[in-house]
Protein backbone atom coordinates (compact mmCIF):
# COMPACT_ATOMS: atom_id res chain seq x y z
CA MET A 1 24.42 -47.82 -17.27
CA LYS A 2 21.94 -47.21 -20.22
CA GLN A 3 19.84 -45.19 -17.77
CA PHE A 4 22.61 -43.29 -16.72
CA ILE A 5 23.75 -42.20 -20.10
CA VAL A 6 19.99 -41.16 -20.81
CA LEU A 7 20.03 -39.21 -17.64
CA MET A 8 23.03 -37.30 -18.46
CA ALA A 9 21.78 -36.43 -21.86
CA VAL A 10 18.30 -35.38 -20.67
CA LEU A 11 19.51 -33.54 -17.47
CA PRO A 12 20.74 -30.37 -18.98
CA VAL A 13 17.67 -29.89 -21.08
CA MET A 14 15.50 -30.41 -17.85
CA LEU A 15 17.60 -27.82 -15.97
CA LEU A 16 16.94 -25.32 -18.71
CA PHE A 17 13.18 -25.62 -17.68
CA LEU A 18 13.99 -24.55 -13.99
CA LEU A 19 16.41 -21.72 -15.15
CA GLN A 20 13.82 -20.37 -17.63
CA PHE A 21 11.12 -20.38 -14.81
CA THR A 22 13.54 -18.34 -12.67
CA LEU A 23 14.38 -16.14 -15.38
CA GLU A 24 10.72 -15.38 -16.13
CA GLN A 25 10.12 -14.41 -12.44
CA LYS A 26 13.02 -12.07 -12.63
CA ASN A 27 11.80 -10.53 -15.82
CA SER A 28 8.14 -10.28 -14.51
CA LEU A 29 9.58 -8.24 -11.48
CA VAL A 30 11.51 -5.89 -13.74
CA ILE A 31 8.41 -5.14 -15.59
CA ALA A 32 6.14 -4.76 -12.70
CA ARG A 33 8.70 -2.23 -11.28
CA VAL A 34 8.68 -0.34 -14.46
CA GLN A 35 4.93 -0.22 -14.60
CA ASP A 36 4.58 1.07 -11.03
CA PHE A 37 7.41 3.68 -11.37
CA THR A 38 5.85 4.88 -14.74
CA ASN A 39 2.32 5.06 -13.02
CA ALA A 40 3.66 7.04 -10.27
CA ALA A 41 5.49 9.57 -12.98
CA LYS A 42 2.20 9.64 -14.86
CA GLU A 43 0.31 10.89 -11.73
CA GLU A 44 2.86 13.59 -11.04
CA ALA A 45 2.57 14.54 -14.91
CA LYS A 46 -1.15 14.89 -14.46
CA GLN A 47 -0.68 17.47 -11.90
CA GLU A 48 1.84 19.38 -13.74
CA GLY A 49 0.00 19.11 -17.07
CA TYR A 50 3.12 17.48 -18.85
CA PHE A 51 6.13 15.32 -18.18
CA SER A 52 8.63 17.87 -17.04
CA THR A 53 12.37 16.99 -17.53
CA GLU A 54 12.57 16.62 -13.56
CA ILE A 55 9.84 13.75 -13.95
CA LYS A 56 11.50 12.22 -16.66
CA GLU A 57 14.97 12.19 -14.91
CA ARG A 58 13.54 10.97 -11.66
CA LEU A 59 11.60 8.09 -13.52
CA LYS A 60 14.83 7.20 -15.39
CA ASN A 61 17.00 7.01 -12.20
CA LYS A 62 14.19 5.08 -10.31
CA ILE A 63 14.05 2.40 -13.00
CA SER A 64 17.76 2.17 -13.53
CA ARG A 65 18.22 1.82 -9.58
CA ALA A 66 15.64 -0.79 -9.14
CA THR A 67 16.57 -2.94 -12.11
CA GLY A 68 20.07 -2.33 -12.81
CA ILE A 69 19.46 -1.24 -16.46
CA SER A 70 21.57 1.80 -17.40
CA ALA A 71 19.64 5.16 -17.17
CA GLU A 72 21.12 6.13 -20.76
CA ARG A 73 19.42 2.92 -22.31
CA ILE A 74 15.99 3.98 -21.09
CA ILE A 75 14.11 6.14 -23.22
CA ILE A 76 11.23 8.40 -22.19
CA GLU A 77 9.43 10.33 -24.78
CA SER A 78 6.44 12.92 -24.18
CA GLU A 79 4.98 16.08 -25.36
CA ASP A 80 6.64 19.26 -23.90
CA SER A 81 3.52 21.44 -24.08
CA VAL A 82 1.39 22.07 -21.00
CA LYS A 83 -2.07 20.63 -21.36
CA PHE A 84 -4.85 21.90 -19.22
CA ARG A 85 -7.94 20.35 -17.66
CA TYR A 86 -10.45 22.78 -19.11
CA SER A 87 -9.32 21.92 -22.84
CA ILE A 88 -11.65 20.03 -24.82
CA GLY A 89 -11.06 16.50 -26.42
CA ASN A 90 -7.70 15.44 -27.15
CA GLU A 91 -6.25 18.73 -26.14
CA ARG A 92 -6.02 17.77 -22.57
CA LEU A 93 -4.53 14.39 -23.02
CA ILE A 94 -0.70 14.00 -22.25
CA TYR A 95 1.08 11.56 -24.44
CA TYR A 96 4.03 9.56 -22.89
CA ARG A 97 6.11 6.59 -24.03
CA VAL A 98 8.65 4.72 -21.94
CA GLU A 99 11.09 2.14 -23.46
CA VAL A 100 13.14 -0.16 -21.21
CA PRO A 101 15.38 -2.80 -22.77
CA ILE A 102 15.21 -6.28 -21.12
CA GLU A 103 18.15 -8.60 -21.67
CA GLU A 104 18.23 -12.21 -21.24
CA VAL A 105 14.81 -13.40 -22.28
CA MET A 106 15.84 -17.06 -22.72
CA ALA A 107 17.86 -19.12 -20.31
CA GLY A 108 20.66 -21.15 -21.80
CA SER A 109 20.74 -19.11 -24.81
CA ARG A 110 24.36 -20.00 -25.70
CA LEU A 111 23.50 -23.53 -25.42
CA LEU A 112 20.51 -23.29 -27.88
CA GLY A 113 22.48 -21.21 -30.39
CA ILE A 114 20.61 -17.90 -29.76
CA SER A 115 22.62 -14.69 -30.31
CA LYS A 116 22.71 -11.71 -27.63
CA GLU A 117 20.68 -9.66 -29.94
CA GLU A 118 17.95 -12.16 -30.40
CA ASN A 119 17.86 -12.87 -26.66
CA SER A 120 16.48 -9.38 -25.80
CA TYR A 121 13.57 -7.20 -26.18
CA VAL A 122 12.27 -3.66 -25.39
CA TYR A 123 9.52 -3.40 -22.91
CA VAL A 124 7.28 -0.28 -23.96
CA ILE A 125 4.49 1.62 -22.20
CA ASP A 126 2.88 3.78 -24.89
CA SER A 127 -0.16 5.67 -23.60
CA TYR A 128 -1.98 8.85 -22.76
CA THR A 129 -3.28 10.31 -19.46
CA ALA A 130 -5.81 13.25 -18.99
CA SER A 131 -4.19 16.44 -17.46
CA GLU A 132 -5.49 17.69 -14.17
CA LYS A 133 -3.70 20.98 -14.37
CA ILE A 134 -6.07 23.91 -13.96
């Protein structure tokens, strides 16, 4: 009977490890999809010389469909001026920033007393790429 009581106390905590592992896999998949879609959009932007409105909207929609995150919550920032390949130094670099909110970072957050605000973060890709527009 003593072992049964200990098992009942320890089992929920042990199940949290299993749930956390599964949640980590899900979040890793979301991050990988965001990186893949952003990379593809970056290649398009290199050809056009900047992140056009169409590229941004297409990227938002792809991320939203693949991850289930609302497109309104995804933030994409970039410069609006066209950069050319023959420019010198930083004048040919295209800046872009993609912010995607990831909810549910910790499994069993209510059990552990973690609030919804504390149980989320924003995944950010903040980078530059060189323009190939001639």
